[in-house]
Amino acid sequence: MKNIRQRLIALLKTGFCAPKIGAMASRIKEPAATIHYNVKKLESDGAIKTYKAVFDYKQVEMGFCTFVLINLSPTEYSNPEKIANELATFQEIESVDVITGDWEIIAKIRTKDIEEYYAFTKRVLSRPGVVKIRSLNSLKQVKTEFISL
C-alpha cells in the first residue's frame, strides 16, 4: 500500500475534516437532521471557519513548539498586519497575532526539532522589518484546541 501519511496530514491540517453529526446528536440528544441543519447554518453564516484535525504533534514530527515575540522596525511599526500576513503564509507558523505591549507580533511555530526551528528563523524571521525576536519554547503542551492532553 502507498504511504501518503505526510500528504494526508497536510490536508487534515488545512481543513479536510468534517463534524461527527451522529456523535453530536447522541451527546445533546437531538435528531441528526437538526444537528446537520444547525451546523450548515453556522458554516454559511461564517461562524465556523473550518474543521481540522488535532494532532499529537510528536507523532507527526512537529513536536518542537515555540512562541516567538517579534519587534518591528519603525518603518513597519505602523502596519504590523503586513508582516503578520506574510508570516501566516508559512506552514510552520500555526498562528500569528498582532499584540499590545513591548512586542508587536506573536507567532506560534511548530517544527520537527530545534535544528529545524533554527533554520526556519534564519530563513524567515531574519528579514527586513523584524528588528528583534524572543523565542519561548514550550516544554509540554497540556491543552490544545479545547482538548486536554
C-alpha atoms as a PDB file:
ATOM      1  CA  MET A   1       0.000   0.000   0.000  1.00  0.00           C
ATOM      2  CA  LYS A   2       1.203   3.521  -0.825  1.00  0.00           C
ATOM      3  CA  ASN A   3       2.403   5.653   2.104  1.00  0.00           C
ATOM      4  CA  ILE A   4       0.621   9.022   1.842  1.00  0.00           C
ATOM      5  CA  ARG A   5       0.974   9.942   5.521  1.00  0.00           C
ATOM      6  CA  GLN A   6       2.614  13.366   5.046  1.00  0.00           C
ATOM      7  CA  ARG A   7       0.220  14.437   2.284  1.00  0.00           C
ATOM      8  CA  LEU A   8      -2.761  13.313   4.370  1.00  0.00           C
ATOM      9  CA  ILE A   9      -1.510  15.196   7.441  1.00  0.00           C
ATOM     10  CA  ALA A  10      -1.110  18.356   5.334  1.00  0.00           C
ATOM     11  CA  LEU A  11      -4.723  18.067   4.141  1.00  0.00           C
ATOM     12  CA  LEU A  12      -6.071  17.394   7.628  1.00  0.00           C
ATOM     13  CA  LYS A  13      -4.205  20.447   8.961  1.00  0.00           C
ATOM     14  CA  THR A  14      -5.869  22.685   6.397  1.00  0.00           C
ATOM     15  CA  GLY A  15      -9.498  21.748   6.921  1.00  0.00           C
ATOM     16  CA  PHE A  16     -10.265  18.427   5.258  1.00  0.00           C
ATOM     17  CA  CYS A  17     -12.291  17.148   8.220  1.00  0.00           C
ATOM     18  CA  ALA A  18     -15.992  17.007   8.958  1.00  0.00           C
ATOM     19  CA  PRO A  19     -18.074  17.196  12.143  1.00  0.00           C
ATOM     20  CA  LYS A  20     -19.354  13.947  13.626  1.00  0.00           C
ATOM     21  CA  ILE A  21     -23.066  14.657  13.301  1.00  0.00           C
ATOM     22  CA  GLY A  22     -24.171  11.314  14.784  1.00  0.00           C
ATOM     23  CA  ALA A  23     -21.925  11.676  17.833  1.00  0.00           C
ATOM     24  CA  MET A  24     -23.135  15.243  18.418  1.00  0.00           C
ATOM     25  CA  ALA A  25     -26.779  14.133  18.105  1.00  0.00           C
ATOM     26  CA  SER A  26     -26.217  11.427  20.728  1.00  0.00           C
ATOM     27  CA  ARG A  27     -24.384  13.801  23.069  1.00  0.00           C
ATOM     28  CA  ILE A  28     -27.054  16.535  23.114  1.00  0.00           C
ATOM     29  CA  LYS A  29     -29.998  14.208  22.442  1.00  0.00           C
ATOM     30  CA  GLU A  30     -31.263  15.949  19.300  1.00  0.00           C
ATOM     31  CA  PRO A  31     -32.046  14.422  15.901  1.00  0.00           C
ATOM     32  CA  ALA A  32     -29.126  14.197  13.462  1.00  0.00           C
ATOM     33  CA  ALA A  33     -31.118  16.239  10.910  1.00  0.00           C
ATOM     34  CA  THR A  34     -31.445  19.091  13.424  1.00  0.00           C
ATOM     35  CA  ILE A  35     -27.724  18.982  14.161  1.00  0.00           C
ATOM     36  CA  HIS A  36     -26.877  18.901  10.453  1.00  0.00           C
ATOM     37  CA  TYR A  37     -29.136  21.877   9.661  1.00  0.00           C
ATOM     38  CA  ASN A  38     -27.702  23.961  12.502  1.00  0.00           C
ATOM     39  CA  VAL A  39     -24.081  23.113  11.646  1.00  0.00           C
ATOM     40  CA  LYS A  40     -24.698  24.076   7.996  1.00  0.00           C
ATOM     41  CA  LYS A  41     -26.257  27.352   9.176  1.00  0.00           C
ATOM     42  CA  LEU A  42     -23.207  28.130  11.352  1.00  0.00           C
ATOM     43  CA  GLU A  43     -20.970  27.391   8.351  1.00  0.00           C
ATOM     44  CA  SER A  44     -22.957  29.567   5.939  1.00  0.00           C
ATOM     45  CA  ASP A  45     -23.037  32.431   8.477  1.00  0.00           C
ATOM     46  CA  GLY A  46     -19.251  32.263   8.706  1.00  0.00           C
ATOM     47  CA  ALA A  47     -19.281  31.351  12.417  1.00  0.00           C
ATOM     48  CA  ILE A  48     -17.455  28.098  11.634  1.00  0.00           C
ATOM     49  CA  LYS A  49     -14.349  28.864   9.583  1.00  0.00           C
ATOM     50  CA  THR A  50     -13.053  25.312   9.044  1.00  0.00           C
ATOM     51  CA  TYR A  51     -12.603  21.904  10.570  1.00  0.00           C
ATOM     52  CA  LYS A  52      -9.195  20.441  11.221  1.00  0.00           C
ATOM     53  CA  ALA A  53      -7.616  17.506  12.938  1.00  0.00           C
ATOM     54  CA  VAL A  54      -5.961  17.944  16.319  1.00  0.00           C
ATOM     55  CA  PHE A  55      -2.671  16.064  16.254  1.00  0.00           C
ATOM     56  CA  ASP A  56      -0.272  14.520  18.691  1.00  0.00           C
ATOM     57  CA  TYR A  57       2.482  16.642  17.169  1.00  0.00           C
ATOM     58  CA  LYS A  58       5.300  14.329  18.202  1.00  0.00           C
ATOM     59  CA  GLN A  59       3.635  11.555  16.183  1.00  0.00           C
ATOM     60  CA  VAL A  60       3.615  13.736  13.046  1.00  0.00           C
ATOM     61  CA  GLU A  61       7.170  15.044  13.503  1.00  0.00           C
ATOM     62  CA  MET A  62       6.188  18.553  14.581  1.00  0.00           C
ATOM     63  CA  GLY A  63       6.896  18.183  18.300  1.00  0.00           C
ATOM     64  CA  PHE A  64       9.017  21.318  18.794  1.00  0.00           C
ATOM     65  CA  CYS A  65       6.749  24.277  19.611  1.00  0.00           C
ATOM     66  CA  THR A  66       7.989  27.837  20.062  1.00  0.00           C
ATOM     67  CA  PHE A  67       6.162  31.079  20.685  1.00  0.00           C
ATOM     68  CA  VAL A  68       8.074  33.949  19.098  1.00  0.00           C
ATOM     69  CA  LEU A  69       7.700  37.565  20.159  1.00  0.00           C
ATOM     70  CA  ILE A  70       8.591  39.940  17.330  1.00  0.00           C
ATOM     71  CA  ASN A  71       9.633  43.601  17.388  1.00  0.00           C
ATOM     72  CA  LEU A  72       9.226  45.527  14.145  1.00  0.00           C
ATOM     73  CA  SER A  73      11.359  48.304  12.731  1.00  0.00           C
ATOM     74  CA  PRO A  74       9.981  51.863  12.807  1.00  0.00           C
ATOM     75  CA  THR A  75       9.223  51.604   9.074  1.00  0.00           C
ATOM     76  CA  GLU A  76       6.952  48.561   9.656  1.00  0.00           C
ATOM     77  CA  TYR A  77       5.524  49.558  13.038  1.00  0.00           C
ATOM     78  CA  SER A  78       2.566  51.435  11.552  1.00  0.00           C
ATOM     79  CA  ASN A  79       1.348  48.357   9.657  1.00  0.00           C
ATOM     80  CA  PRO A  80       2.052  45.189  11.669  1.00  0.00           C
ATOM     81  CA  GLU A  81      -0.627  43.302   9.731  1.00  0.00           C
ATOM     82  CA  LYS A  82       1.608  43.386   6.638  1.00  0.00           C
ATOM     83  CA  ILE A  83       4.374  41.357   8.311  1.00  0.00           C
ATOM     84  CA  ALA A  84       1.830  39.197  10.182  1.00  0.00           C
ATOM     85  CA  ASN A  85       0.075  38.292   6.914  1.00  0.00           C
ATOM     86  CA  GLU A  86       3.391  37.451   5.251  1.00  0.00           C
ATOM     87  CA  LEU A  87       4.370  35.224   8.178  1.00  0.00           C
ATOM     88  CA  ALA A  88       0.978  33.492   8.106  1.00  0.00           C
ATOM     89  CA  THR A  89       1.805  32.005   4.701  1.00  0.00           C
ATOM     90  CA  PHE A  90       4.430  29.629   6.148  1.00  0.00           C
ATOM     91  CA  GLN A  91       3.170  26.167   7.074  1.00  0.00           C
ATOM     92  CA  GLU A  92       5.420  26.054  10.156  1.00  0.00           C
ATOM     93  CA  ILE A  93       3.547  29.013  11.630  1.00  0.00           C
ATOM     94  CA  GLU A  94       0.437  27.763  13.373  1.00  0.00           C
ATOM     95  CA  SER A  95      -0.874  31.154  14.474  1.00  0.00           C
ATOM     96  CA  VAL A  96       0.068  34.833  14.229  1.00  0.00           C
ATOM     97  CA  ASP A  97      -1.392  37.633  16.324  1.00  0.00           C
ATOM     98  CA  VAL A  98      -0.794  41.388  16.394  1.00  0.00           C
ATOM     99  CA  ILE A  99      -0.433  42.219  20.092  1.00  0.00           C
ATOM    100  CA  THR A 100      -0.021  45.098  22.527  1.00  0.00           C
ATOM    101  CA  GLY A 101       2.824  45.728  24.937  1.00  0.00           C
ATOM    102  CA  ASP A 102       6.549  45.644  24.299  1.00  0.00           C
ATOM    103  CA  TRP A 103       6.196  43.446  21.192  1.00  0.00           C
ATOM    104  CA  GLU A 104       4.133  43.901  18.037  1.00  0.00           C
ATOM    105  CA  ILE A 105       3.561  40.288  16.922  1.00  0.00           C
ATOM    106  CA  ILE A 106       3.450  36.840  18.497  1.00  0.00           C
ATOM    107  CA  ALA A 107       3.718  33.714  16.350  1.00  0.00           C
ATOM    108  CA  LYS A 108       3.318  30.063  17.299  1.00  0.00           C
ATOM    109  CA  ILE A 109       5.763  27.952  15.325  1.00  0.00           C
ATOM    110  CA  ARG A 110       5.895  24.160  15.043  1.00  0.00           C
ATOM    111  CA  THR A 111       8.887  22.295  13.658  1.00  0.00           C
ATOM    112  CA  LYS A 112      10.348  18.808  13.978  1.00  0.00           C
ATOM    113  CA  ASP A 113      13.152  19.873  16.327  1.00  0.00           C
ATOM    114  CA  ILE A 114      15.334  22.785  17.409  1.00  0.00           C
ATOM    115  CA  GLU A 115      17.613  22.458  14.363  1.00  0.00           C
ATOM    116  CA  GLU A 116      14.650  22.850  12.029  1.00  0.00           C
ATOM    117  CA  TYR A 117      13.427  25.816  14.098  1.00  0.00           C
ATOM    118  CA  TYR A 118      16.861  27.449  13.849  1.00  0.00           C
ATOM    119  CA  ALA A 119      16.878  27.026  10.063  1.00  0.00           C
ATOM    120  CA  PHE A 120      13.370  28.483   9.939  1.00  0.00           C
ATOM    121  CA  THR A 121      14.383  31.572  11.945  1.00  0.00           C
ATOM    122  CA  LYS A 122      17.328  32.200   9.636  1.00  0.00           C
ATOM    123  CA  ARG A 123      15.197  31.698   6.515  1.00  0.00           C
ATOM    124  CA  VAL A 124      12.016  33.510   7.579  1.00  0.00           C
ATOM    125  CA  LEU A 125      12.414  35.640  10.694  1.00  0.00           C
ATOM    126  CA  SER A 126      15.762  37.207   9.742  1.00  0.00           C
ATOM    127  CA  ARG A 127      14.127  39.637   7.369  1.00  0.00           C
ATOM    128  CA  PRO A 128      13.755  43.339   6.751  1.00  0.00           C
ATOM    129  CA  GLY A 129      11.210  44.829   9.118  1.00  0.00           C
ATOM    130  CA  VAL A 130      11.968  42.474  12.007  1.00  0.00           C
ATOM    131  CA  VAL A 131      14.494  44.006  14.408  1.00  0.00           C
ATOM    132  CA  LYS A 132      14.286  41.598  17.349  1.00  0.00           C
ATOM    133  CA  ILE A 133      12.753  38.262  18.276  1.00  0.00           C
ATOM    134  CA  ARG A 134      12.414  36.395  21.546  1.00  0.00           C
ATOM    135  CA  SER A 135      11.743  32.665  21.480  1.00  0.00           C
ATOM    136  CA  LEU A 136       9.733  30.973  24.216  1.00  0.00           C
ATOM    137  CA  ASN A 137       9.982  27.199  23.869  1.00  0.00           C
ATOM    138  CA  SER A 138       7.074  25.055  25.006  1.00  0.00           C
ATOM    139  CA  LEU A 139       8.242  22.297  27.330  1.00  0.00           C
ATOM    140  CA  LYS A 140       4.940  20.410  27.473  1.00  0.00           C
ATOM    141  CA  GLN A 141       1.553  21.119  25.985  1.00  0.00           C
ATOM    142  CA  VAL A 142      -1.277  20.421  28.421  1.00  0.00           C
ATOM    143  CA  LYS A 143      -4.279  21.533  26.376  1.00  0.00           C
ATOM    144  CA  THR A 144      -4.793  22.295  22.695  1.00  0.00           C
ATOM    145  CA  GLU A 145      -7.812  23.062  20.559  1.00  0.00           C
ATOM    146  CA  PHE A 146     -10.093  22.543  23.563  1.00  0.00           C
ATOM    147  CA  ILE A 147      -8.694  19.045  24.220  1.00  0.00           C
ATOM    148  CA  SER A 148      -6.790  18.232  27.404  1.00  0.00           C
ATOM    149  CA  LEU A 149      -3.793  16.073  26.627  1.00  0.00           C
END
